[in-house]
Amino acid sequence: MIKKIKGKYVVLSETTGRKFGTYKTKKEAEKRLRQVEFFKRLKSSPRLRTRLKKKFLLRK
């Protein structure tokens, strides 16, 4: 989730409230949120992990 706090955009966990970064623009915050979501789903997706291993993006 993205919240605007003191004129900056903060990426927060919806469940724990943990901060994932503070950014000047909403676009930067959205980019970081997409990264967090991608890696969250990577752990639970064996198919995606296999595809990334084939492309050498993920080490064993």
PDB file of N, CA and C in Angstrom:
ATOM      1  N   MET A   1       0.845  -1.152   0.000  1.00  0.00           N
ATOM      2  CA  MET A   1       0.000   0.000   0.000  1.00  0.00           C
ATOM      3  C   MET A   1       0.902   1.230   0.000  1.00  0.00           C
ATOM      4  N   ILE A   2       0.436   2.283  -0.619  1.00  0.00           N
ATOM      5  CA  ILE A   2       1.183   3.535  -0.686  1.00  0.00           C
ATOM      6  C   ILE A   2       0.398   4.604   0.067  1.00  0.00           C
ATOM      7  N   LYS A   3       1.101   5.300   0.974  1.00  0.00           N
ATOM      8  CA  LYS A   3       0.491   6.403   1.715  1.00  0.00           C
ATOM      9  C   LYS A   3       1.342   7.646   1.532  1.00  0.00           C
ATOM     10  N   LYS A   4       0.691   8.792   1.506  1.00  0.00           N
ATOM     11  CA  LYS A   4       1.410  10.059   1.433  1.00  0.00           C
ATOM     12  C   LYS A   4       1.563  10.586   2.860  1.00  0.00           C
ATOM     13  N   ILE A   5       2.827  10.681   3.304  1.00  0.00           N
ATOM     14  CA  ILE A   5       3.128  11.132   4.656  1.00  0.00           C
ATOM     15  C   ILE A   5       4.147  12.262   4.571  1.00  0.00           C
ATOM     16  N   LYS A   6       3.794  13.420   5.099  1.00  0.00           N
ATOM     17  CA  LYS A   6       4.668  14.597   5.113  1.00  0.00           C
ATOM     18  C   LYS A   6       5.200  14.945   3.728  1.00  0.00           C
ATOM     19  N   GLY A   7       4.342  14.854   2.723  1.00  0.00           N
ATOM     20  CA  GLY A   7       4.705  15.254   1.371  1.00  0.00           C
ATOM     21  C   GLY A   7       5.493  14.218   0.590  1.00  0.00           C
ATOM     22  N   LYS A   8       5.729  13.038   1.176  1.00  0.00           N
ATOM     23  CA  LYS A   8       6.447  11.976   0.479  1.00  0.00           C
ATOM     24  C   LYS A   8       5.578  10.736   0.431  1.00  0.00           C
ATOM     25  N   TYR A   9       5.878   9.860  -0.523  1.00  0.00           N
ATOM     26  CA  TYR A   9       5.124   8.630  -0.693  1.00  0.00           C
ATOM     27  C   TYR A   9       5.868   7.485  -0.019  1.00  0.00           C
ATOM     28  N   VAL A  10       5.161   6.745   0.830  1.00  0.00           N
ATOM     29  CA  VAL A  10       5.762   5.665   1.596  1.00  0.00           C
ATOM     30  C   VAL A  10       5.092   4.352   1.202  1.00  0.00           C
ATOM     31  N   VAL A  11       5.915   3.342   0.895  1.00  0.00           N
ATOM     32  CA  VAL A  11       5.408   2.007   0.576  1.00  0.00           C
ATOM     33  C   VAL A  11       5.385   1.213   1.882  1.00  0.00           C
ATOM     34  N   LEU A  12       4.187   0.739   2.254  1.00  0.00           N
ATOM     35  CA  LEU A  12       3.992   0.023   3.513  1.00  0.00           C
ATOM     36  C   LEU A  12       3.373  -1.345   3.277  1.00  0.00           C
ATOM     37  N   SER A  13       3.701  -2.279   4.170  1.00  0.00           N
ATOM     38  CA  SER A  13       3.056  -3.585   4.166  1.00  0.00           C
ATOM     39  C   SER A  13       1.635  -3.417   4.685  1.00  0.00           C
ATOM     40  N   GLU A  14       0.688  -4.045   4.021  1.00  0.00           N
ATOM     41  CA  GLU A  14      -0.709  -3.940   4.454  1.00  0.00           C
ATOM     42  C   GLU A  14      -0.951  -4.683   5.762  1.00  0.00           C
ATOM     43  N   THR A  15      -0.213  -5.772   5.995  1.00  0.00           N
ATOM     44  CA  THR A  15      -0.472  -6.583   7.184  1.00  0.00           C
ATOM     45  C   THR A  15       0.360  -6.162   8.388  1.00  0.00           C
ATOM     46  N   THR A  16       1.641  -5.861   8.186  1.00  0.00           N
ATOM     47  CA  THR A  16       2.515  -5.572   9.320  1.00  0.00           C
ATOM     48  C   THR A  16       2.807  -4.089   9.511  1.00  0.00           C
ATOM     49  N   GLY A  17       2.601  -3.283   8.475  1.00  0.00           N
ATOM     50  CA  GLY A  17       2.906  -1.869   8.565  1.00  0.00           C
ATOM     51  C   GLY A  17       4.380  -1.556   8.328  1.00  0.00           C
ATOM     52  N   ARG A  18       5.138  -2.586   7.940  1.00  0.00           N
ATOM     53  CA  ARG A  18       6.574  -2.417   7.685  1.00  0.00           C
ATOM     54  C   ARG A  18       6.805  -1.478   6.509  1.00  0.00           C
ATOM     55  N   LYS A  19       7.820  -0.606   6.622  1.00  0.00           N
ATOM     56  CA  LYS A  19       8.152   0.327   5.547  1.00  0.00           C
ATOM     57  C   LYS A  19       9.065  -0.345   4.518  1.00  0.00           C
ATOM     58  N   PHE A  20       8.768  -0.135   3.247  1.00  0.00           N
ATOM     59  CA  PHE A  20       9.611  -0.638   2.169  1.00  0.00           C
ATOM     60  C   PHE A  20      10.303   0.493   1.426  1.00  0.00           C
ATOM     61  N   GLY A  21      10.191   1.694   1.918  1.00  0.00           N
ATOM     62  CA  GLY A  21      10.887   2.818   1.321  1.00  0.00           C
ATOM     63  C   GLY A  21      10.043   4.074   1.280  1.00  0.00           C
ATOM     64  N   THR A  22      10.736   5.202   1.157  1.00  0.00           N
ATOM     65  CA  THR A  22      10.112   6.509   1.049  1.00  0.00           C
ATOM     66  C   THR A  22      10.582   7.148  -0.245  1.00  0.00           C
ATOM     67  N   TYR A  23       9.653   7.696  -1.021  1.00  0.00           N
ATOM     68  CA  TYR A  23       9.971   8.207  -2.354  1.00  0.00           C
ATOM     69  C   TYR A  23       9.367   9.587  -2.577  1.00  0.00           C
ATOM     70  N   LYS A  24      10.018  10.363  -3.434  1.00  0.00           N
ATOM     71  CA  LYS A  24       9.545  11.715  -3.744  1.00  0.00           C
ATOM     72  C   LYS A  24       8.300  11.701  -4.615  1.00  0.00           C
ATOM     73  N   THR A  25       8.229  10.737  -5.555  1.00  0.00           N
ATOM     74  CA  THR A  25       7.092  10.702  -6.474  1.00  0.00           C
ATOM     75  C   THR A  25       6.270   9.427  -6.301  1.00  0.00           C
ATOM     76  N   LYS A  26       5.012   9.526  -6.676  1.00  0.00           N
ATOM     77  CA  LYS A  26       4.130   8.366  -6.599  1.00  0.00           C
ATOM     78  C   LYS A  26       4.574   7.288  -7.592  1.00  0.00           C
ATOM     79  N   LYS A  27       5.098   7.714  -8.723  1.00  0.00           N
ATOM     80  CA  LYS A  27       5.567   6.765  -9.742  1.00  0.00           C
ATOM     81  C   LYS A  27       6.693   5.880  -9.191  1.00  0.00           C
ATOM     82  N   GLU A  28       7.638   6.478  -8.462  1.00  0.00           N
ATOM     83  CA  GLU A  28       8.727   5.711  -7.859  1.00  0.00           C
ATOM     84  C   GLU A  28       8.194   4.732  -6.818  1.00  0.00           C
ATOM     85  N   ALA A  29       7.231   5.173  -6.034  1.00  0.00           N
ATOM     86  CA  ALA A  29       6.630   4.321  -5.002  1.00  0.00           C
ATOM     87  C   ALA A  29       5.884   3.153  -5.628  1.00  0.00           C
ATOM     88  N   GLU A  30       5.181   3.400  -6.721  1.00  0.00           N
ATOM     89  CA  GLU A  30       4.460   2.324  -7.406  1.00  0.00           C
ATOM     90  C   GLU A  30       5.434   1.295  -7.985  1.00  0.00           C
ATOM     91  N   LYS A  31       6.558   1.766  -8.491  1.00  0.00           N
ATOM     92  CA  LYS A  31       7.574   0.859  -9.028  1.00  0.00           C
ATOM     93  C   LYS A  31       8.087  -0.070  -7.926  1.00  0.00           C
ATOM     94  N   ARG A  32       8.372   0.495  -6.756  1.00  0.00           N
ATOM     95  CA  ARG A  32       8.862  -0.304  -5.635  1.00  0.00           C
ATOM     96  C   ARG A  32       7.804  -1.278  -5.149  1.00  0.00           C
ATOM     97  N   LEU A  33       6.561  -0.859  -5.135  1.00  0.00           N
ATOM     98  CA  LEU A  33       5.472  -1.744  -4.714  1.00  0.00           C
ATOM     99  C   LEU A  33       5.368  -2.940  -5.655  1.00  0.00           C
ATOM    100  N   ARG A  34       5.534  -2.708  -6.964  1.00  0.00           N
ATOM    101  CA  ARG A  34       5.517  -3.813  -7.928  1.00  0.00           C
ATOM    102  C   ARG A  34       6.668  -4.782  -7.664  1.00  0.00           C
ATOM    103  N   GLN A  35       7.843  -4.263  -7.308  1.00  0.00           N
ATOM    104  CA  GLN A  35       8.980  -5.126  -6.994  1.00  0.00           C
ATOM    105  C   GLN A  35       8.685  -6.002  -5.779  1.00  0.00           C
ATOM    106  N   VAL A  36       8.135  -5.406  -4.747  1.00  0.00           N
ATOM    107  CA  VAL A  36       7.815  -6.145  -3.530  1.00  0.00           C
ATOM    108  C   VAL A  36       6.805  -7.241  -3.828  1.00  0.00           C
ATOM    109  N   GLU A  37       5.760  -6.926  -4.578  1.00  0.00           N
ATOM    110  CA  GLU A  37       4.736  -7.908  -4.925  1.00  0.00           C
ATOM    111  C   GLU A  37       5.316  -9.044  -5.764  1.00  0.00           C
ATOM    112  N   PHE A  38       6.210  -8.717  -6.702  1.00  0.00           N
ATOM    113  CA  PHE A  38       6.824  -9.725  -7.553  1.00  0.00           C
ATOM    114  C   PHE A  38       7.586 -10.742  -6.719  1.00  0.00           C
ATOM    115  N   PHE A  39       8.441 -10.270  -5.815  1.00  0.00           N
ATOM    116  CA  PHE A  39       9.248 -11.182  -5.032  1.00  0.00           C
ATOM    117  C   PHE A  39       8.435 -11.919  -3.974  1.00  0.00           C
ATOM    118  N   LYS A  40       7.330 -11.339  -3.540  1.00  0.00           N
ATOM    119  CA  LYS A  40       6.443 -12.031  -2.614  1.00  0.00           C
ATOM    120  C   LYS A  40       5.828 -13.254  -3.300  1.00  0.00           C
ATOM    121  N   ARG A  41       5.436 -13.066  -4.543  1.00  0.00           N
ATOM    122  CA  ARG A  41       4.828 -14.166  -5.288  1.00  0.00           C
ATOM    123  C   ARG A  41       5.859 -15.164  -5.805  1.00  0.00           C
ATOM    124  N   LEU A  42       7.086 -14.738  -5.963  1.00  0.00           N
ATOM    125  CA  LEU A  42       8.150 -15.607  -6.439  1.00  0.00           C
ATOM    126  C   LEU A  42       8.346 -16.783  -5.495  1.00  0.00           C
ATOM    127  N   LYS A  43       8.256 -16.542  -4.211  1.00  0.00           N
ATOM    128  CA  LYS A  43       8.450 -17.598  -3.217  1.00  0.00           C
ATOM    129  C   LYS A  43       7.407 -18.699  -3.346  1.00  0.00           C
ATOM    130  N   SER A  44       6.204 -18.351  -3.723  1.00  0.00           N
ATOM    131  CA  SER A  44       5.120 -19.327  -3.758  1.00  0.00           C
ATOM    132  C   SER A  44       4.847 -19.875  -5.155  1.00  0.00           C
ATOM    133  N   SER A  45       5.660 -19.513  -6.137  1.00  0.00           N
ATOM    134  CA  SER A  45       5.401 -19.951  -7.503  1.00  0.00           C
ATOM    135  C   SER A  45       6.569 -20.757  -8.064  1.00  0.00           C
ATOM    136  N   PRO A  46       6.511 -22.092  -7.969  1.00  0.00           N
ATOM    137  CA  PRO A  46       7.601 -22.914  -8.499  1.00  0.00           C
ATOM    138  C   PRO A  46       7.802 -22.729 -10.001  1.00  0.00           C
ATOM    139  N   ARG A  47       6.734 -22.499 -10.710  1.00  0.00           N
ATOM    140  CA  ARG A  47       6.831 -22.330 -12.167  1.00  0.00           C
ATOM    141  C   ARG A  47       7.623 -21.064 -12.521  1.00  0.00           C
ATOM    142  N   LEU A  48       7.333 -19.981 -11.830  1.00  0.00           N
ATOM    143  CA  LEU A  48       8.038 -18.733 -12.083  1.00  0.00           C
ATOM    144  C   LEU A  48       9.504 -18.845 -11.685  1.00  0.00           C
ATOM    145  N   ARG A  49       9.789 -19.511 -10.568  1.00  0.00           N
ATOM    146  CA  ARG A  49      11.180 -19.718 -10.148  1.00  0.00           C
ATOM    147  C   ARG A  49      11.961 -20.490 -11.198  1.00  0.00           C
ATOM    148  N   THR A  50      11.344 -21.502 -11.790  1.00  0.00           N
ATOM    149  CA  THR A  50      11.997 -22.301 -12.823  1.00  0.00           C
ATOM    150  C   THR A  50      12.302 -21.449 -14.041  1.00  0.00           C
ATOM    151  N   ARG A  51      11.358 -20.624 -14.449  1.00  0.00           N
ATOM    152  CA  ARG A  51      11.582 -19.757 -15.611  1.00  0.00           C
ATOM    153  C   ARG A  51      12.735 -18.793 -15.371  1.00  0.00           C
ATOM    154  N   LEU A  52      12.815 -18.243 -14.162  1.00  0.00           N
ATOM    155  CA  LEU A  52      13.884 -17.310 -13.859  1.00  0.00           C
ATOM    156  C   LEU A  52      15.236 -18.002 -13.776  1.00  0.00           C
ATOM    157  N   LYS A  53      15.268 -19.214 -13.259  1.00  0.00           N
ATOM    158  CA  LYS A  53      16.521 -19.955 -13.197  1.00  0.00           C
ATOM    159  C   LYS A  53      17.062 -20.192 -14.597  1.00  0.00           C
ATOM    160  N   LYS A  54      16.166 -20.483 -15.528  1.00  0.00           N
ATOM    161  CA  LYS A  54      16.584 -20.728 -16.918  1.00  0.00           C
ATOM    162  C   LYS A  54      17.186 -19.481 -17.537  1.00  0.00           C
ATOM    163  N   LYS A  55      16.749 -18.317 -17.104  1.00  0.00           N
ATOM    164  CA  LYS A  55      17.255 -17.057 -17.654  1.00  0.00           C
ATOM    165  C   LYS A  55      18.404 -16.505 -16.820  1.00  0.00           C
ATOM    166  N   PHE A  56      18.898 -17.279 -15.850  1.00  0.00           N
ATOM    167  CA  PHE A  56      20.030 -16.887 -15.013  1.00  0.00           C
ATOM    168  C   PHE A  56      19.763 -15.645 -14.169  1.00  0.00           C
ATOM    169  N   LEU A  57      18.520 -15.372 -13.884  1.00  0.00           N
ATOM    170  CA  LEU A  57      18.195 -14.237 -13.038  1.00  0.00           C
ATOM    171  C   LEU A  57      18.168 -14.617 -11.563  1.00  0.00           C
ATOM    172  N   LEU A  58      18.050 -15.916 -11.320  1.00  0.00           N
ATOM    173  CA  LEU A  58      17.952 -16.377  -9.936  1.00  0.00           C
ATOM    174  C   LEU A  58      18.984 -17.470  -9.734  1.00  0.00           C
ATOM    175  N   ARG A  59      19.815 -17.328  -8.734  1.00  0.00           N
ATOM    176  CA  ARG A  59      20.840 -18.345  -8.446  1.00  0.00           C
ATOM    177  C   ARG A  59      20.252 -19.467  -7.635  1.00  0.00           C
ATOM    178  N   LYS A  60      20.884 -20.607  -7.709  1.00  0.00           N
ATOM    179  CA  LYS A  60      20.404 -21.804  -6.992  1.00  0.00           C
ATOM    180  C   LYS A  60      20.502 -21.676  -5.507  1.00  0.00           C
TER     181      LYS A  60
END
